[in-house]
Amino acid sequence: MVDSDPSVHVHTVDMSADGVVGRIYKFKIRTYNVVGYVDSNALSVALASLPSKPSTVPVSIPSGTN
């Protein structure tokens, strides 16, 4: 995506608008230089949402907690 701008060292993929929670997305990085290019291994990532807030406040039970 950014091969035309060699000064870019970080690229963010924002999936908040069109990503589907629970779907697996694969990413890989391709780097270019004067000799050619090389690909990284693919990385699979599941898009997740924040869990729901607990209905009760968590408590510590000293007899069962160390």
C-alpha atoms as a PDB file:
ATOM      1  CA  MET A   1       0.000   0.000   0.000  1.00  0.00           C
ATOM      2  CA  VAL A   2       2.829   2.386   0.709  1.00  0.00           C
ATOM      3  CA  ASP A   3       5.490   1.234  -1.765  1.00  0.00           C
ATOM      4  CA  SER A   4       5.499   4.661  -3.400  1.00  0.00           C
ATOM      5  CA  ASP A   5       6.601   6.364  -0.143  1.00  0.00           C
ATOM      6  CA  PRO A   6       9.806   4.878   1.344  1.00  0.00           C
ATOM      7  CA  SER A   7       9.645   7.212   4.373  1.00  0.00           C
ATOM      8  CA  VAL A   8       6.649   5.321   5.800  1.00  0.00           C
ATOM      9  CA  HIS A   9       7.772   3.034   8.639  1.00  0.00           C
ATOM     10  CA  VAL A  10       4.389   2.419  10.286  1.00  0.00           C
ATOM     11  CA  HIS A  11       1.060   1.603   8.702  1.00  0.00           C
ATOM     12  CA  THR A  12      -2.194   1.194  10.663  1.00  0.00           C
ATOM     13  CA  VAL A  13      -5.078  -0.934   9.439  1.00  0.00           C
ATOM     14  CA  ASP A  14      -8.330   0.455  10.888  1.00  0.00           C
ATOM     15  CA  MET A  15     -11.044  -2.178  10.686  1.00  0.00           C
ATOM     16  CA  SER A  16     -13.555  -0.372  12.902  1.00  0.00           C
ATOM     17  CA  ALA A  17     -15.628   0.762   9.917  1.00  0.00           C
ATOM     18  CA  ASP A  18     -15.898  -2.376   7.799  1.00  0.00           C
ATOM     19  CA  GLY A  19     -14.390  -5.243   9.816  1.00  0.00           C
ATOM     20  CA  VAL A  20     -16.612  -8.128  10.885  1.00  0.00           C
ATOM     21  CA  VAL A  21     -16.246  -9.302  14.503  1.00  0.00           C
ATOM     22  CA  GLY A  22     -15.300 -12.982  14.643  1.00  0.00           C
ATOM     23  CA  ARG A  23     -13.906 -13.119  11.136  1.00  0.00           C
ATOM     24  CA  ILE A  24     -10.264 -14.145  10.642  1.00  0.00           C
ATOM     25  CA  TYR A  25      -8.088 -11.693   8.698  1.00  0.00           C
ATOM     26  CA  LYS A  26      -4.656 -12.513   7.258  1.00  0.00           C
ATOM     27  CA  PHE A  27      -1.820 -10.022   6.963  1.00  0.00           C
ATOM     28  CA  LYS A  28       1.656 -10.189   5.519  1.00  0.00           C
ATOM     29  CA  ILE A  29       4.337  -7.626   4.885  1.00  0.00           C
ATOM     30  CA  ARG A  30       6.109  -7.232   1.562  1.00  0.00           C
ATOM     31  CA  THR A  31       9.287  -5.169   1.595  1.00  0.00           C
ATOM     32  CA  TYR A  32      10.980  -3.784  -1.491  1.00  0.00           C
ATOM     33  CA  ASN A  33      14.510  -2.658  -2.231  1.00  0.00           C
ATOM     34  CA  VAL A  34      16.685  -2.283  -5.341  1.00  0.00           C
ATOM     35  CA  VAL A  35      17.234  -6.052  -5.562  1.00  0.00           C
ATOM     36  CA  GLY A  36      13.565  -6.994  -5.420  1.00  0.00           C
ATOM     37  CA  TYR A  37      11.147  -7.880  -2.643  1.00  0.00           C
ATOM     38  CA  VAL A  38      10.570 -10.376   0.154  1.00  0.00           C
ATOM     39  CA  ASP A  39       7.343 -11.414   1.907  1.00  0.00           C
ATOM     40  CA  SER A  40       6.918 -12.094   5.606  1.00  0.00           C
ATOM     41  CA  ASN A  41       5.034 -15.118   6.875  1.00  0.00           C
ATOM     42  CA  ALA A  42       1.276 -14.580   6.997  1.00  0.00           C
ATOM     43  CA  LEU A  43      -0.292 -13.662  10.341  1.00  0.00           C
ATOM     44  CA  SER A  44      -3.917 -14.598  11.056  1.00  0.00           C
ATOM     45  CA  VAL A  45      -5.843 -12.342  13.431  1.00  0.00           C
ATOM     46  CA  ALA A  46      -9.411 -12.681  14.692  1.00  0.00           C
ATOM     47  CA  LEU A  47     -11.237  -9.366  14.970  1.00  0.00           C
ATOM     48  CA  ALA A  48     -12.708  -9.205  18.470  1.00  0.00           C
ATOM     49  CA  SER A  49     -14.870  -6.775  20.372  1.00  0.00           C
ATOM     50  CA  LEU A  50     -14.613  -5.724  23.996  1.00  0.00           C
ATOM     51  CA  PRO A  51     -16.321  -8.121  26.403  1.00  0.00           C
ATOM     52  CA  SER A  52     -19.475  -7.021  28.201  1.00  0.00           C
ATOM     53  CA  LYS A  53     -19.136  -5.378  31.600  1.00  0.00           C
ATOM     54  CA  PRO A  54     -19.601  -7.918  34.437  1.00  0.00           C
ATOM     55  CA  SER A  55     -23.005  -7.741  36.143  1.00  0.00           C
ATOM     56  CA  THR A  56     -21.336  -7.937  39.577  1.00  0.00           C
ATOM     57  CA  VAL A  57     -18.082  -6.472  40.800  1.00  0.00           C
ATOM     58  CA  PRO A  58     -15.249  -9.040  41.049  1.00  0.00           C
ATOM     59  CA  VAL A  59     -14.189  -9.823  44.634  1.00  0.00           C
ATOM     60  CA  SER A  60     -11.183 -11.543  46.152  1.00  0.00           C
ATOM     61  CA  ILE A  61     -11.874 -14.629  48.302  1.00  0.00           C
ATOM     62  CA  PRO A  62      -8.833 -14.949  50.602  1.00  0.00           C
ATOM     63  CA  SER A  63      -9.343 -18.672  51.230  1.00  0.00           C
ATOM     64  CA  GLY A  64      -9.198 -19.419  47.504  1.00  0.00           C
ATOM     65  CA  THR A  65      -6.725 -16.762  46.369  1.00  0.00           C
ATOM     66  CA  ASN A  66      -2.983 -16.730  46.919  1.00  0.00           C
END
